[in-house]
Amino acid sequence: MNEMPTLTVYGLTQCDTVKRARQWLQSQGQDYRFVDFKKTAPHASQIAAWADAVGWEALLNRRGTTWRKLDAATQAAARDAASAVAVLAQHPSAIKRPVVETGGVLLVGFDEAAWRAALSPLVR
């Protein structure tokens, strides 16, 4: 019996982009595990691994409400990978959503075409 890689979606339940991504996965018949940042915040080591995989700039959601509400000093503190990871560990809602992990693939944000290409072995 071949076991499918576990697909884990990280984000916020109320985020519209996360909602669209989860609906798309369901429409593809793809099972997944959902982790809400508000209930289970990612550890700094996990955020650092994500930043290593996709770059800290891609992980930091500068357009989101959380980022815009941070004071200027906190925003300015995110100037390289290590400092951005520290800010994101303190403010996980500032992570671009969703983050998807599966079988060595890491996706940040929802782009249907990119997801279809990256997850093609998993989705129909």
PDB file of N, CA and C in Angstrom:
ATOM      1  N   MET A   1       0.846  -1.180   0.000  1.00  0.00           N
ATOM      2  CA  MET A   1       0.000   0.000   0.000  1.00  0.00           C
ATOM      3  C   MET A   1       0.890   1.241   0.000  1.00  0.00           C
ATOM      4  N   ASN A   2       0.745   2.100  -1.007  1.00  0.00           N
ATOM      5  CA  ASN A   2       1.496   3.347  -1.065  1.00  0.00           C
ATOM      6  C   ASN A   2       0.796   4.398  -0.234  1.00  0.00           C
ATOM      7  N   GLU A   3       1.567   5.033   0.626  1.00  0.00           N
ATOM      8  CA  GLU A   3       0.985   6.077   1.448  1.00  0.00           C
ATOM      9  C   GLU A   3       1.297   7.422   0.815  1.00  0.00           C
ATOM     10  N   MET A   4       0.270   8.250   0.652  1.00  0.00           N
ATOM     11  CA  MET A   4       0.443   9.581   0.085  1.00  0.00           C
ATOM     12  C   MET A   4       1.182  10.451   1.088  1.00  0.00           C
ATOM     13  N   PRO A   5       2.042  11.343   0.614  1.00  0.00           N
ATOM     14  CA  PRO A   5       2.680  12.263   1.543  1.00  0.00           C
ATOM     15  C   PRO A   5       1.618  13.094   2.251  1.00  0.00           C
ATOM     16  N   THR A   6       1.842  13.360   3.506  1.00  0.00           N
ATOM     17  CA  THR A   6       0.917  14.185   4.252  1.00  0.00           C
ATOM     18  C   THR A   6       1.052  15.623   3.797  1.00  0.00           C
ATOM     19  N   LEU A   7      -0.063  16.242   3.505  1.00  0.00           N
ATOM     20  CA  LEU A   7      -0.074  17.634   3.107  1.00  0.00           C
ATOM     21  C   LEU A   7      -0.576  18.435   4.301  1.00  0.00           C
ATOM     22  N   THR A   8       0.206  19.415   4.714  1.00  0.00           N
ATOM     23  CA  THR A   8      -0.171  20.258   5.842  1.00  0.00           C
ATOM     24  C   THR A   8      -0.292  21.691   5.361  1.00  0.00           C
ATOM     25  N   VAL A   9      -1.430  22.298   5.679  1.00  0.00           N
ATOM     26  CA  VAL A   9      -1.704  23.694   5.327  1.00  0.00           C
ATOM     27  C   VAL A   9      -1.660  24.502   6.613  1.00  0.00           C
ATOM     28  N   TYR A  10      -0.824  25.531   6.626  1.00  0.00           N
ATOM     29  CA  TYR A  10      -0.714  26.435   7.771  1.00  0.00           C
ATOM     30  C   TYR A  10      -1.318  27.776   7.382  1.00  0.00           C
ATOM     31  N   GLY A  11      -2.041  28.386   8.303  1.00  0.00           N
ATOM     32  CA  GLY A  11      -2.603  29.700   8.027  1.00  0.00           C
ATOM     33  C   GLY A  11      -3.560  30.126   9.110  1.00  0.00           C
ATOM     34  N   LEU A  12      -4.481  30.993   8.728  1.00  0.00           N
ATOM     35  CA  LEU A  12      -5.508  31.483   9.639  1.00  0.00           C
ATOM     36  C   LEU A  12      -6.871  31.092   9.092  1.00  0.00           C
ATOM     37  N   THR A  13      -7.722  30.576   9.954  1.00  0.00           N
ATOM     38  CA  THR A  13      -9.045  30.121   9.543  1.00  0.00           C
ATOM     39  C   THR A  13      -9.821  31.214   8.823  1.00  0.00           C
ATOM     40  N   GLN A  14      -9.715  32.443   9.282  1.00  0.00           N
ATOM     41  CA  GLN A  14     -10.514  33.539   8.724  1.00  0.00           C
ATOM     42  C   GLN A  14      -9.886  34.220   7.503  1.00  0.00           C
ATOM     43  N   CYS A  15      -8.677  33.836   7.124  1.00  0.00           N
ATOM     44  CA  CYS A  15      -7.991  34.456   5.988  1.00  0.00           C
ATOM     45  C   CYS A  15      -8.670  34.036   4.677  1.00  0.00           C
ATOM     46  N   ASP A  16      -9.046  35.015   3.854  1.00  0.00           N
ATOM     47  CA  ASP A  16      -9.725  34.715   2.594  1.00  0.00           C
ATOM     48  C   ASP A  16      -8.857  33.878   1.653  1.00  0.00           C
ATOM     49  N   THR A  17      -7.561  34.153   1.601  1.00  0.00           N
ATOM     50  CA  THR A  17      -6.672  33.384   0.732  1.00  0.00           C
ATOM     51  C   THR A  17      -6.577  31.938   1.205  1.00  0.00           C
ATOM     52  N   VAL A  18      -6.511  31.734   2.504  1.00  0.00           N
ATOM     53  CA  VAL A  18      -6.475  30.383   3.060  1.00  0.00           C
ATOM     54  C   VAL A  18      -7.790  29.666   2.749  1.00  0.00           C
ATOM     55  N   LYS A  19      -8.888  30.362   2.863  1.00  0.00           N
ATOM     56  CA  LYS A  19     -10.194  29.763   2.544  1.00  0.00           C
ATOM     57  C   LYS A  19     -10.228  29.303   1.087  1.00  0.00           C
ATOM     58  N   ARG A  20      -9.754  30.168   0.162  1.00  0.00           N
ATOM     59  CA  ARG A  20      -9.731  29.801  -1.264  1.00  0.00           C
ATOM     60  C   ARG A  20      -8.835  28.589  -1.495  1.00  0.00           C
ATOM     61  N   ALA A  21      -7.668  28.584  -0.849  1.00  0.00           N
ATOM     62  CA  ALA A  21      -6.731  27.472  -1.015  1.00  0.00           C
ATOM     63  C   ALA A  21      -7.335  26.174  -0.503  1.00  0.00           C
ATOM     64  N   ARG A  22      -7.976  26.223   0.647  1.00  0.00           N
ATOM     65  CA  ARG A  22      -8.584  25.009   1.215  1.00  0.00           C
ATOM     66  C   ARG A  22      -9.739  24.518   0.344  1.00  0.00           C
ATOM     67  N   GLN A  23     -10.521  25.442  -0.196  1.00  0.00           N
ATOM     68  CA  GLN A  23     -11.605  25.049  -1.100  1.00  0.00           C
ATOM     69  C   GLN A  23     -11.045  24.394  -2.354  1.00  0.00           C
ATOM     70  N   TRP A  24      -9.947  24.934  -2.873  1.00  0.00           N
ATOM     71  CA  TRP A  24      -9.328  24.355  -4.062  1.00  0.00           C
ATOM     72  C   TRP A  24      -8.843  22.938  -3.768  1.00  0.00           C
ATOM     73  N   LEU A  25      -8.172  22.738  -2.639  1.00  0.00           N
ATOM     74  CA  LEU A  25      -7.703  21.404  -2.270  1.00  0.00           C
ATOM     75  C   LEU A  25      -8.879  20.434  -2.170  1.00  0.00           C
ATOM     76  N   GLN A  26      -9.958  20.878  -1.557  1.00  0.00           N
ATOM     77  CA  GLN A  26     -11.145  20.016  -1.435  1.00  0.00           C
ATOM     78  C   GLN A  26     -11.716  19.693  -2.807  1.00  0.00           C
ATOM     79  N   SER A  27     -11.747  20.683  -3.715  1.00  0.00           N
ATOM     80  CA  SER A  27     -12.281  20.444  -5.064  1.00  0.00           C
ATOM     81  C   SER A  27     -11.416  19.455  -5.841  1.00  0.00           C
ATOM     82  N   GLN A  28     -10.133  19.340  -5.448  1.00  0.00           N
ATOM     83  CA  GLN A  28      -9.219  18.398  -6.086  1.00  0.00           C
ATOM     84  C   GLN A  28      -9.256  17.026  -5.416  1.00  0.00           C
ATOM     85  N   GLY A  29     -10.070  16.890  -4.373  1.00  0.00           N
ATOM     86  CA  GLY A  29     -10.153  15.630  -3.648  1.00  0.00           C
ATOM     87  C   GLY A  29      -8.919  15.359  -2.799  1.00  0.00           C
ATOM     88  N   GLN A  30      -8.192  16.423  -2.431  1.00  0.00           N
ATOM     89  CA  GLN A  30      -6.943  16.281  -1.689  1.00  0.00           C
ATOM     90  C   GLN A  30      -7.192  16.394  -0.184  1.00  0.00           C
ATOM     91  N   ASP A  31      -6.803  15.355   0.531  1.00  0.00           N
ATOM     92  CA  ASP A  31      -6.852  15.413   1.988  1.00  0.00           C
ATOM     93  C   ASP A  31      -5.684  16.250   2.483  1.00  0.00           C
ATOM     94  N   TYR A  32      -5.885  16.919   3.581  1.00  0.00           N
ATOM     95  CA  TYR A  32      -4.821  17.721   4.165  1.00  0.00           C
ATOM     96  C   TYR A  32      -5.113  17.927   5.645  1.00  0.00           C
ATOM     97  N   ARG A  33      -4.068  18.327   6.333  1.00  0.00           N
ATOM     98  CA  ARG A  33      -4.190  18.678   7.753  1.00  0.00           C
ATOM     99  C   ARG A  33      -4.055  20.196   7.815  1.00  0.00           C
ATOM    100  N   PHE A  34      -4.928  20.851   8.582  1.00  0.00           N
ATOM    101  CA  PHE A  34      -4.873  22.307   8.700  1.00  0.00           C
ATOM    102  C   PHE A  34      -4.382  22.697  10.083  1.00  0.00           C
ATOM    103  N   VAL A  35      -3.429  23.631  10.112  1.00  0.00           N
ATOM    104  CA  VAL A  35      -2.892  24.154  11.370  1.00  0.00           C
ATOM    105  C   VAL A  35      -3.135  25.657  11.382  1.00  0.00           C
ATOM    106  N   ASP A  36      -3.926  26.106  12.351  1.00  0.00           N
ATOM    107  CA  ASP A  36      -4.244  27.530  12.490  1.00  0.00           C
ATOM    108  C   ASP A  36      -3.159  28.205  13.321  1.00  0.00           C
ATOM    109  N   PHE A  37      -2.531  29.245  12.758  1.00  0.00           N
ATOM    110  CA  PHE A  37      -1.479  29.976  13.461  1.00  0.00           C
ATOM    111  C   PHE A  37      -1.951  30.523  14.800  1.00  0.00           C
ATOM    112  N   LYS A  38      -3.237  30.861  14.906  1.00  0.00           N
ATOM    113  CA  LYS A  38      -3.730  31.434  16.164  1.00  0.00           C
ATOM    114  C   LYS A  38      -3.799  30.385  17.268  1.00  0.00           C
ATOM    115  N   LYS A  39      -4.014  29.131  16.887  1.00  0.00           N
ATOM    116  CA  LYS A  39      -4.109  28.054  17.880  1.00  0.00           C
ATOM    117  C   LYS A  39      -2.770  27.374  18.110  1.00  0.00           C
ATOM    118  N   THR A  40      -1.990  27.223  17.056  1.00  0.00           N
ATOM    119  CA  THR A  40      -0.685  26.569  17.138  1.00  0.00           C
ATOM    120  C   THR A  40       0.308  27.381  16.325  1.00  0.00           C
ATOM    121  N   ALA A  41       0.955  28.314  16.989  1.00  0.00           N
ATOM    122  CA  ALA A  41       1.917  29.165  16.290  1.00  0.00           C
ATOM    123  C   ALA A  41       3.158  28.356  15.919  1.00  0.00           C
ATOM    124  N   PRO A  42       3.719  28.600  14.742  1.00  0.00           N
ATOM    125  CA  PRO A  42       4.937  27.885  14.360  1.00  0.00           C
ATOM    126  C   PRO A  42       6.117  28.329  15.229  1.00  0.00           C
ATOM    127  N   HIS A  43       7.017  27.405  15.502  1.00  0.00           N
ATOM    128  CA  HIS A  43       8.220  27.713  16.271  1.00  0.00           C
ATOM    129  C   HIS A  43       9.207  28.469  15.384  1.00  0.00           C
ATOM    130  N   ALA A  44      10.100  29.202  16.003  1.00  0.00           N
ATOM    131  CA  ALA A  44      11.111  29.953  15.255  1.00  0.00           C
ATOM    132  C   ALA A  44      11.923  29.028  14.349  1.00  0.00           C
ATOM    133  N   SER A  45      12.212  27.807  14.810  1.00  0.00           N
ATOM    134  CA  SER A  45      12.991  26.877  13.986  1.00  0.00           C
ATOM    135  C   SER A  45      12.224  26.477  12.722  1.00  0.00           C
ATOM    136  N   GLN A  46      10.916  26.334  12.838  1.00  0.00           N
ATOM    137  CA  GLN A  46      10.100  25.996  11.674  1.00  0.00           C
ATOM    138  C   GLN A  46      10.046  27.183  10.709  1.00  0.00           C
ATOM    139  N   ILE A  47       9.879  28.388  11.243  1.00  0.00           N
ATOM    140  CA  ILE A  47       9.865  29.584  10.407  1.00  0.00           C
ATOM    141  C   ILE A  47      11.218  29.747   9.710  1.00  0.00           C
ATOM    142  N   ALA A  48      12.297  29.478  10.428  1.00  0.00           N
ATOM    143  CA  ALA A  48      13.642  29.568   9.841  1.00  0.00           C
ATOM    144  C   ALA A  48      13.804  28.571   8.695  1.00  0.00           C
ATOM    145  N   ALA A  49      13.285  27.362   8.857  1.00  0.00           N
ATOM    146  CA  ALA A  49      13.360  26.354   7.789  1.00  0.00           C
ATOM    147  C   ALA A  49      12.566  26.821   6.573  1.00  0.00           C
ATOM    148  N   TRP A  50      11.396  27.397   6.803  1.00  0.00           N
ATOM    149  CA  TRP A  50      10.605  27.934   5.691  1.00  0.00           C
ATOM    150  C   TRP A  50      11.375  29.056   4.994  1.00  0.00           C
ATOM    151  N   ALA A  51      11.972  29.943   5.783  1.00  0.00           N
ATOM    152  CA  ALA A  51      12.730  31.064   5.211  1.00  0.00           C
ATOM    153  C   ALA A  51      13.915  30.551   4.401  1.00  0.00           C
ATOM    154  N   ASP A  52      14.574  29.501   4.884  1.00  0.00           N
ATOM    155  CA  ASP A  52      15.684  28.901   4.135  1.00  0.00           C
ATOM    156  C   ASP A  52      15.195  28.348   2.798  1.00  0.00           C
ATOM    157  N   ALA A  53      13.987  27.778   2.794  1.00  0.00           N
ATOM    158  CA  ALA A  53      13.459  27.136   1.591  1.00  0.00           C
ATOM    159  C   ALA A  53      12.980  28.136   0.539  1.00  0.00           C
ATOM    160  N   VAL A  54      12.325  29.210   0.973  1.00  0.00           N
ATOM    161  CA  VAL A  54      11.715  30.131  -0.006  1.00  0.00           C
ATOM    162  C   VAL A  54      12.254  31.554   0.059  1.00  0.00           C
ATOM    163  N   GLY A  55      13.098  31.832   1.062  1.00  0.00           N
ATOM    164  CA  GLY A  55      13.593  33.194   1.258  1.00  0.00           C
ATOM    165  C   GLY A  55      12.702  33.944   2.231  1.00  0.00           C
ATOM    166  N   TRP A  56      13.310  34.667   3.129  1.00  0.00           N
ATOM    167  CA  TRP A  56      12.520  35.352   4.157  1.00  0.00           C
ATOM    168  C   TRP A  56      11.616  36.423   3.567  1.00  0.00           C
ATOM    169  N   GLU A  57      12.020  37.033   2.457  1.00  0.00           N
ATOM    170  CA  GLU A  57      11.198  38.077   1.844  1.00  0.00           C
ATOM    171  C   GLU A  57       9.868  37.507   1.355  1.00  0.00           C
ATOM    172  N   ALA A  58       9.896  36.285   0.821  1.00  0.00           N
ATOM    173  CA  ALA A  58       8.672  35.647   0.339  1.00  0.00           C
ATOM    174  C   ALA A  58       7.749  35.256   1.491  1.00  0.00           C
ATOM    175  N   LEU A  59       8.316  35.019   2.639  1.00  0.00           N
ATOM    176  CA  LEU A  59       7.552  34.583   3.800  1.00  0.00           C
ATOM    177  C   LEU A  59       6.900  35.744   4.541  1.00  0.00           C
ATOM    178  N   LEU A  60       7.487  36.902   4.455  1.00  0.00           N
ATOM    179  CA  LEU A  60       7.014  38.078   5.184  1.00  0.00           C
ATOM    180  C   LEU A  60       5.914  38.772   4.391  1.00  0.00           C
ATOM    181  N   ASN A  61       4.724  38.844   4.966  1.00  0.00           N
ATOM    182  CA  ASN A  61       3.572  39.451   4.294  1.00  0.00           C
ATOM    183  C   ASN A  61       3.501  40.935   4.636  1.00  0.00           C
ATOM    184  N   ARG A  62       4.192  41.740   3.851  1.00  0.00           N
ATOM    185  CA  ARG A  62       4.231  43.182   4.096  1.00  0.00           C
ATOM    186  C   ARG A  62       2.926  43.885   3.703  1.00  0.00           C
ATOM    187  N   ARG A  63       2.062  43.200   2.974  1.00  0.00           N
ATOM    188  CA  ARG A  63       0.804  43.818   2.543  1.00  0.00           C
ATOM    189  C   ARG A  63      -0.342  43.549   3.511  1.00  0.00           C
ATOM    190  N   GLY A  64      -0.129  42.663   4.460  1.00  0.00           N
ATOM    191  CA  GLY A  64      -1.207  42.274   5.362  1.00  0.00           C
ATOM    192  C   GLY A  64      -1.462  43.258   6.493  1.00  0.00           C
ATOM    193  N   THR A  65      -2.628  43.130   7.077  1.00  0.00           N
ATOM    194  CA  THR A  65      -3.049  43.987   8.184  1.00  0.00           C
ATOM    195  C   THR A  65      -2.101  43.885   9.369  1.00  0.00           C
ATOM    196  N   THR A  66      -1.671  42.678   9.716  1.00  0.00           N
ATOM    197  CA  THR A  66      -0.789  42.500  10.873  1.00  0.00           C
ATOM    198  C   THR A  66       0.483  43.318  10.700  1.00  0.00           C
ATOM    199  N   TRP A  67       1.097  43.224   9.518  1.00  0.00           N
ATOM    200  CA  TRP A  67       2.338  43.957   9.265  1.00  0.00           C
ATOM    201  C   TRP A  67       2.100  45.467   9.346  1.00  0.00           C
ATOM    202  N   ARG A  68       1.022  45.927   8.735  1.00  0.00           N
ATOM    203  CA  ARG A  68       0.744  47.367   8.717  1.00  0.00           C
ATOM    204  C   ARG A  68       0.479  47.906  10.118  1.00  0.00           C
ATOM    205  N   LYS A  69      -0.003  47.080  11.019  1.00  0.00           N
ATOM    206  CA  LYS A  69      -0.290  47.522  12.387  1.00  0.00           C
ATOM    207  C   LYS A  69       0.939  47.493  13.300  1.00  0.00           C
ATOM    208  N   LEU A  70       2.007  46.839  12.849  1.00  0.00           N
ATOM    209  CA  LEU A  70       3.228  46.807  13.670  1.00  0.00           C
ATOM    210  C   LEU A  70       3.877  48.189  13.668  1.00  0.00           C
ATOM    211  N   ASP A  71       4.503  48.523  14.783  1.00  0.00           N
ATOM    212  CA  ASP A  71       5.178  49.825  14.841  1.00  0.00           C
ATOM    213  C   ASP A  71       6.392  49.818  13.904  1.00  0.00           C
ATOM    214  N   ALA A  72       6.828  51.021  13.557  1.00  0.00           N
ATOM    215  CA  ALA A  72       7.914  51.185  12.584  1.00  0.00           C
ATOM    216  C   ALA A  72       9.200  50.504  13.042  1.00  0.00           C
ATOM    217  N   ALA A  73       9.478  50.523  14.330  1.00  0.00           N
ATOM    218  CA  ALA A  73      10.705  49.896  14.849  1.00  0.00           C
ATOM    219  C   ALA A  73      10.665  48.384  14.639  1.00  0.00           C
ATOM    220  N   THR A  74       9.505  47.776  14.881  1.00  0.00           N
ATOM    221  CA  THR A  74       9.378  46.326  14.676  1.00  0.00           C
ATOM    222  C   THR A  74       9.519  46.001  13.193  1.00  0.00           C
ATOM    223  N   GLN A  75       8.883  46.782  12.335  1.00  0.00           N
ATOM    224  CA  GLN A  75       9.004  46.565  10.896  1.00  0.00           C
ATOM    225  C   GLN A  75      10.453  46.708  10.447  1.00  0.00           C
ATOM    226  N   ALA A  76      11.129  47.722  10.940  1.00  0.00           N
ATOM    227  CA  ALA A  76      12.522  47.966  10.558  1.00  0.00           C
ATOM    228  C   ALA A  76      13.447  46.865  11.064  1.00  0.00           C
ATOM    229  N   ALA A  77      13.026  46.165  12.117  1.00  0.00           N
ATOM    230  CA  ALA A  77      13.856  45.100  12.687  1.00  0.00           C
ATOM    231  C   ALA A  77      13.973  43.905  11.736  1.00  0.00           C
ATOM    232  N   ALA A  78      13.041  43.748  10.815  1.00  0.00           N
ATOM    233  CA  ALA A  78      13.072  42.636   9.852  1.00  0.00           C
ATOM    234  C   ALA A  78      13.931  43.047   8.663  1.00  0.00           C
ATOM    235  N   ARG A  79      15.253  42.910   8.811  1.00  0.00           N
ATOM    236  CA  ARG A  79      16.178  43.383   7.774  1.00  0.00           C
ATOM    237  C   ARG A  79      17.000  42.274   7.136  1.00  0.00           C
ATOM    238  N   ASP A  80      16.943  41.060   7.706  1.00  0.00           N
ATOM    239  CA  ASP A  80      17.631  39.901   7.127  1.00  0.00           C
ATOM    240  C   ASP A  80      16.898  38.656   7.619  1.00  0.00           C
ATOM    241  N   ALA A  81      17.384  37.497   7.201  1.00  0.00           N
ATOM    242  CA  ALA A  81      16.674  36.255   7.535  1.00  0.00           C
ATOM    243  C   ALA A  81      16.503  36.068   9.040  1.00  0.00           C
ATOM    244  N   ALA A  82      17.571  36.213   9.795  1.00  0.00           N
ATOM    245  CA  ALA A  82      17.494  35.963  11.239  1.00  0.00           C
ATOM    246  C   ALA A  82      16.542  36.935  11.932  1.00  0.00           C
ATOM    247  N   SER A  83      16.627  38.213  11.572  1.00  0.00           N
ATOM    248  CA  SER A  83      15.758  39.193  12.227  1.00  0.00           C
ATOM    249  C   SER A  83      14.303  39.035  11.772  1.00  0.00           C
ATOM    250  N   ALA A  84      14.095  38.689  10.516  1.00  0.00           N
ATOM    251  CA  ALA A  84      12.726  38.470  10.031  1.00  0.00           C
ATOM    252  C   ALA A  84      12.103  37.269  10.720  1.00  0.00           C
ATOM    253  N   VAL A  85      12.871  36.209  10.902  1.00  0.00           N
ATOM    254  CA  VAL A  85      12.360  35.021  11.612  1.00  0.00           C
ATOM    255  C   VAL A  85      11.950  35.401  13.026  1.00  0.00           C
ATOM    256  N   ALA A  86      12.753  36.218  13.692  1.00  0.00           N
ATOM    257  CA  ALA A  86      12.422  36.649  15.058  1.00  0.00           C
ATOM    258  C   ALA A  86      11.116  37.438  15.083  1.00  0.00           C
ATOM    259  N   VAL A  87      10.934  38.346  14.126  1.00  0.00           N
ATOM    260  CA  VAL A  87       9.693  39.127  14.057  1.00  0.00           C
ATOM    261  C   VAL A  87       8.511  38.211  13.770  1.00  0.00           C
ATOM    262  N   LEU A  88       8.669  37.286  12.820  1.00  0.00           N
ATOM    263  CA  LEU A  88       7.568  36.383  12.456  1.00  0.00           C
ATOM    264  C   LEU A  88       7.227  35.419  13.584  1.00  0.00           C
ATOM    265  N   ALA A  89       8.211  35.024  14.371  1.00  0.00           N
ATOM    266  CA  ALA A  89       7.939  34.153  15.517  1.00  0.00           C
ATOM    267  C   ALA A  89       7.088  34.891  16.549  1.00  0.00           C
ATOM    268  N   GLN A  90       7.318  36.191  16.701  1.00  0.00           N
ATOM    269  CA  GLN A  90       6.526  37.013  17.631  1.00  0.00           C
ATOM    270  C   GLN A  90       5.158  37.379  17.051  1.00  0.00           C
ATOM    271  N   HIS A  91       5.072  37.464  15.721  1.00  0.00           N
ATOM    272  CA  HIS A  91       3.848  37.893  15.031  1.00  0.00           C
ATOM    273  C   HIS A  91       3.545  36.942  13.872  1.00  0.00           C
ATOM    274  N   PRO A  92       3.141  35.685  14.172  1.00  0.00           N
ATOM    275  CA  PRO A  92       2.942  34.704  13.096  1.00  0.00           C
ATOM    276  C   PRO A  92       1.864  35.090  12.084  1.00  0.00           C
ATOM    277  N   SER A  93       0.969  35.987  12.454  1.00  0.00           N
ATOM    278  CA  SER A  93      -0.041  36.432  11.490  1.00  0.00           C
ATOM    279  C   SER A  93       0.578  37.262  10.369  1.00  0.00           C
ATOM    280  N   ALA A  94       1.832  37.664  10.522  1.00  0.00           N
ATOM    281  CA  ALA A  94       2.536  38.410   9.468  1.00  0.00           C
ATOM    282  C   ALA A  94       3.201  37.480   8.456  1.00  0.00           C
ATOM    283  N   ILE A  95       3.035  36.174   8.625  1.00  0.00           N
ATOM    284  CA  ILE A  95       3.554  35.209   7.651  1.00  0.00           C
ATOM    285  C   ILE A  95       2.578  35.166   6.477  1.00  0.00           C
ATOM    286  N   LYS A  96       3.105  35.209   5.266  1.00  0.00           N
ATOM    287  CA  LYS A  96       2.258  35.109   4.074  1.00  0.00           C
ATOM    288  C   LYS A  96       1.563  33.755   4.102  1.00  0.00           C
ATOM    289  N   ARG A  97       0.281  33.772   3.780  1.00  0.00           N
ATOM    290  CA  ARG A  97      -0.522  32.571   3.910  1.00  0.00           C
ATOM    291  C   ARG A  97      -1.150  32.177   2.580  1.00  0.00           C
ATOM    292  N   PRO A  98      -1.465  30.893   2.492  1.00  0.00           N
ATOM    293  CA  PRO A  98      -1.089  29.780   3.373  1.00  0.00           C
ATOM    294  C   PRO A  98       0.335  29.315   3.103  1.00  0.00           C
ATOM    295  N   VAL A  99       0.848  28.560   4.065  1.00  0.00           N
ATOM    296  CA  VAL A  99       2.111  27.847   3.889  1.00  0.00           C
ATOM    297  C   VAL A  99       1.729  26.376   3.792  1.00  0.00           C
ATOM    298  N   VAL A 100       2.228  25.696   2.770  1.00  0.00           N
ATOM    299  CA  VAL A 100       1.897  24.282   2.563  1.00  0.00           C
ATOM    300  C   VAL A 100       3.179  23.468   2.530  1.00  0.00           C
ATOM    301  N   GLU A 101       3.200  22.416   3.322  1.00  0.00           N
ATOM    302  CA  GLU A 101       4.322  21.468   3.337  1.00  0.00           C
ATOM    303  C   GLU A 101       3.808  20.100   2.914  1.00  0.00           C
ATOM    304  N   THR A 102       4.546  19.473   2.012  1.00  0.00           N
ATOM    305  CA  THR A 102       4.244  18.090   1.652  1.00  0.00           C
ATOM    306  C   THR A 102       5.413  17.495   0.888  1.00  0.00           C
ATOM    307  N   GLY A 103       5.857  16.343   1.312  1.00  0.00           N
ATOM    308  CA  GLY A 103       6.878  15.593   0.595  1.00  0.00           C
ATOM    309  C   GLY A 103       8.044  16.412   0.082  1.00  0.00           C
ATOM    310  N   GLY A 104       8.573  17.303   0.882  1.00  0.00           N
ATOM    311  CA  GLY A 104       9.711  18.109   0.465  1.00  0.00           C
ATOM    312  C   GLY A 104       9.343  19.349  -0.333  1.00  0.00           C
ATOM    313  N   VAL A 105       8.061  19.558  -0.615  1.00  0.00           N
ATOM    314  CA  VAL A 105       7.598  20.731  -1.341  1.00  0.00           C
ATOM    315  C   VAL A 105       7.085  21.746  -0.328  1.00  0.00           C
ATOM    316  N   LEU A 106       7.467  23.013  -0.515  1.00  0.00           N
ATOM    317  CA  LEU A 106       6.972  24.096   0.329  1.00  0.00           C
ATOM    318  C   LEU A 106       6.399  25.166  -0.577  1.00  0.00           C
ATOM    319  N   LEU A 107       5.141  25.507  -0.342  1.00  0.00           N
ATOM    320  CA  LEU A 107       4.468  26.552  -1.109  1.00  0.00           C
ATOM    321  C   LEU A 107       4.044  27.650  -0.148  1.00  0.00           C
ATOM    322  N   VAL A 108       4.189  28.903  -0.565  1.00  0.00           N
ATOM    323  CA  VAL A 108       3.775  30.044   0.252  1.00  0.00           C
ATOM    324  C   VAL A 108       2.853  30.907  -0.592  1.00  0.00           C
ATOM    325  N   GLY A 109       1.678  31.204  -0.052  1.00  0.00           N
ATOM    326  CA  GLY A 109       0.671  31.948  -0.797  1.00  0.00           C
ATOM    327  C   GLY A 109      -0.094  30.986  -1.687  1.00  0.00           C
ATOM    328  N   PHE A 110      -1.211  31.449  -2.241  1.00  0.00           N
ATOM    329  CA  PHE A 110      -2.016  30.579  -3.096  1.00  0.00           C
ATOM    330  C   PHE A 110      -2.016  31.090  -4.523  1.00  0.00           C
ATOM    331  N   ASP A 111      -1.479  30.255  -5.412  1.00  0.00           N
ATOM    332  CA  ASP A 111      -1.496  30.489  -6.848  1.00  0.00           C
ATOM    333  C   ASP A 111      -1.889  29.140  -7.451  1.00  0.00           C
ATOM    334  N   GLU A 112      -3.116  29.082  -7.974  1.00  0.00           N
ATOM    335  CA  GLU A 112      -3.656  27.792  -8.424  1.00  0.00           C
ATOM    336  C   GLU A 112      -2.743  27.091  -9.426  1.00  0.00           C
ATOM    337  N   ALA A 113      -2.219  27.812 -10.389  1.00  0.00           N
ATOM    338  CA  ALA A 113      -1.354  27.189 -11.404  1.00  0.00           C
ATOM    339  C   ALA A 113      -0.088  26.619 -10.767  1.00  0.00           C
ATOM    340  N   ALA A 114       0.526  27.386  -9.877  1.00  0.00           N
ATOM    341  CA  ALA A 114       1.744  26.912  -9.201  1.00  0.00           C
ATOM    342  C   ALA A 114       1.432  25.711  -8.324  1.00  0.00           C
ATOM    343  N   TRP A 115       0.302  25.749  -7.638  1.00  0.00           N
ATOM    344  CA  TRP A 115      -0.074  24.624  -6.783  1.00  0.00           C
ATOM    345  C   TRP A 115      -0.335  23.382  -7.625  1.00  0.00           C
ATOM    346  N   ARG A 116      -1.052  23.559  -8.735  1.00  0.00           N
ATOM    347  CA  ARG A 116      -1.364  22.410  -9.598  1.00  0.00           C
ATOM    348  C   ARG A 116      -0.054  21.775 -10.087  1.00  0.00           C
ATOM    349  N   ALA A 117       0.907  22.592 -10.502  1.00  0.00           N
ATOM    350  CA  ALA A 117       2.182  22.071 -10.987  1.00  0.00           C
ATOM    351  C   ALA A 117       2.970  21.385  -9.865  1.00  0.00           C
ATOM    352  N   ALA A 118       3.041  22.026  -8.706  1.00  0.00           N
ATOM    353  CA  ALA A 118       3.840  21.476  -7.602  1.00  0.00           C
ATOM    354  C   ALA A 118       3.198  20.244  -6.975  1.00  0.00           C
ATOM    355  N   LEU A 119       1.881  20.214  -6.977  1.00  0.00           N
ATOM    356  CA  LEU A 119       1.174  19.125  -6.302  1.00  0.00           C
ATOM    357  C   LEU A 119       0.599  18.115  -7.289  1.00  0.00           C
ATOM    358  N   SER A 120       1.009  18.181  -8.549  1.00  0.00           N
ATOM    359  CA  SER A 120       0.430  17.314  -9.586  1.00  0.00           C
ATOM    360  C   SER A 120       0.442  15.828  -9.235  1.00  0.00           C
ATOM    361  N   PRO A 121       1.465  15.311  -8.551  1.00  0.00           N
ATOM    362  CA  PRO A 121       1.387  13.896  -8.204  1.00  0.00           C
ATOM    363  C   PRO A 121       0.274  13.601  -7.179  1.00  0.00           C
ATOM    364  N   LEU A 122      -0.173  14.642  -6.491  1.00  0.00           N
ATOM    365  CA  LEU A 122      -1.164  14.444  -5.424  1.00  0.00           C
ATOM    366  C   LEU A 122      -2.586  14.721  -5.861  1.00  0.00           C
ATOM    367  N   VAL A 123      -2.772  15.718  -6.748  1.00  0.00           N
ATOM    368  CA  VAL A 123      -4.119  16.116  -7.122  1.00  0.00           C
ATOM    369  C   VAL A 123      -4.474  15.551  -8.489  1.00  0.00           C
ATOM    370  N   ARG A 124      -5.756  15.493  -8.746  1.00  0.00           N
ATOM    371  CA  ARG A 124      -6.196  14.962 -10.039  1.00  0.00           C
ATOM    372  C   ARG A 124      -6.199  16.013 -11.101  1.00  0.00           C
TER     373      ARG A 124
END
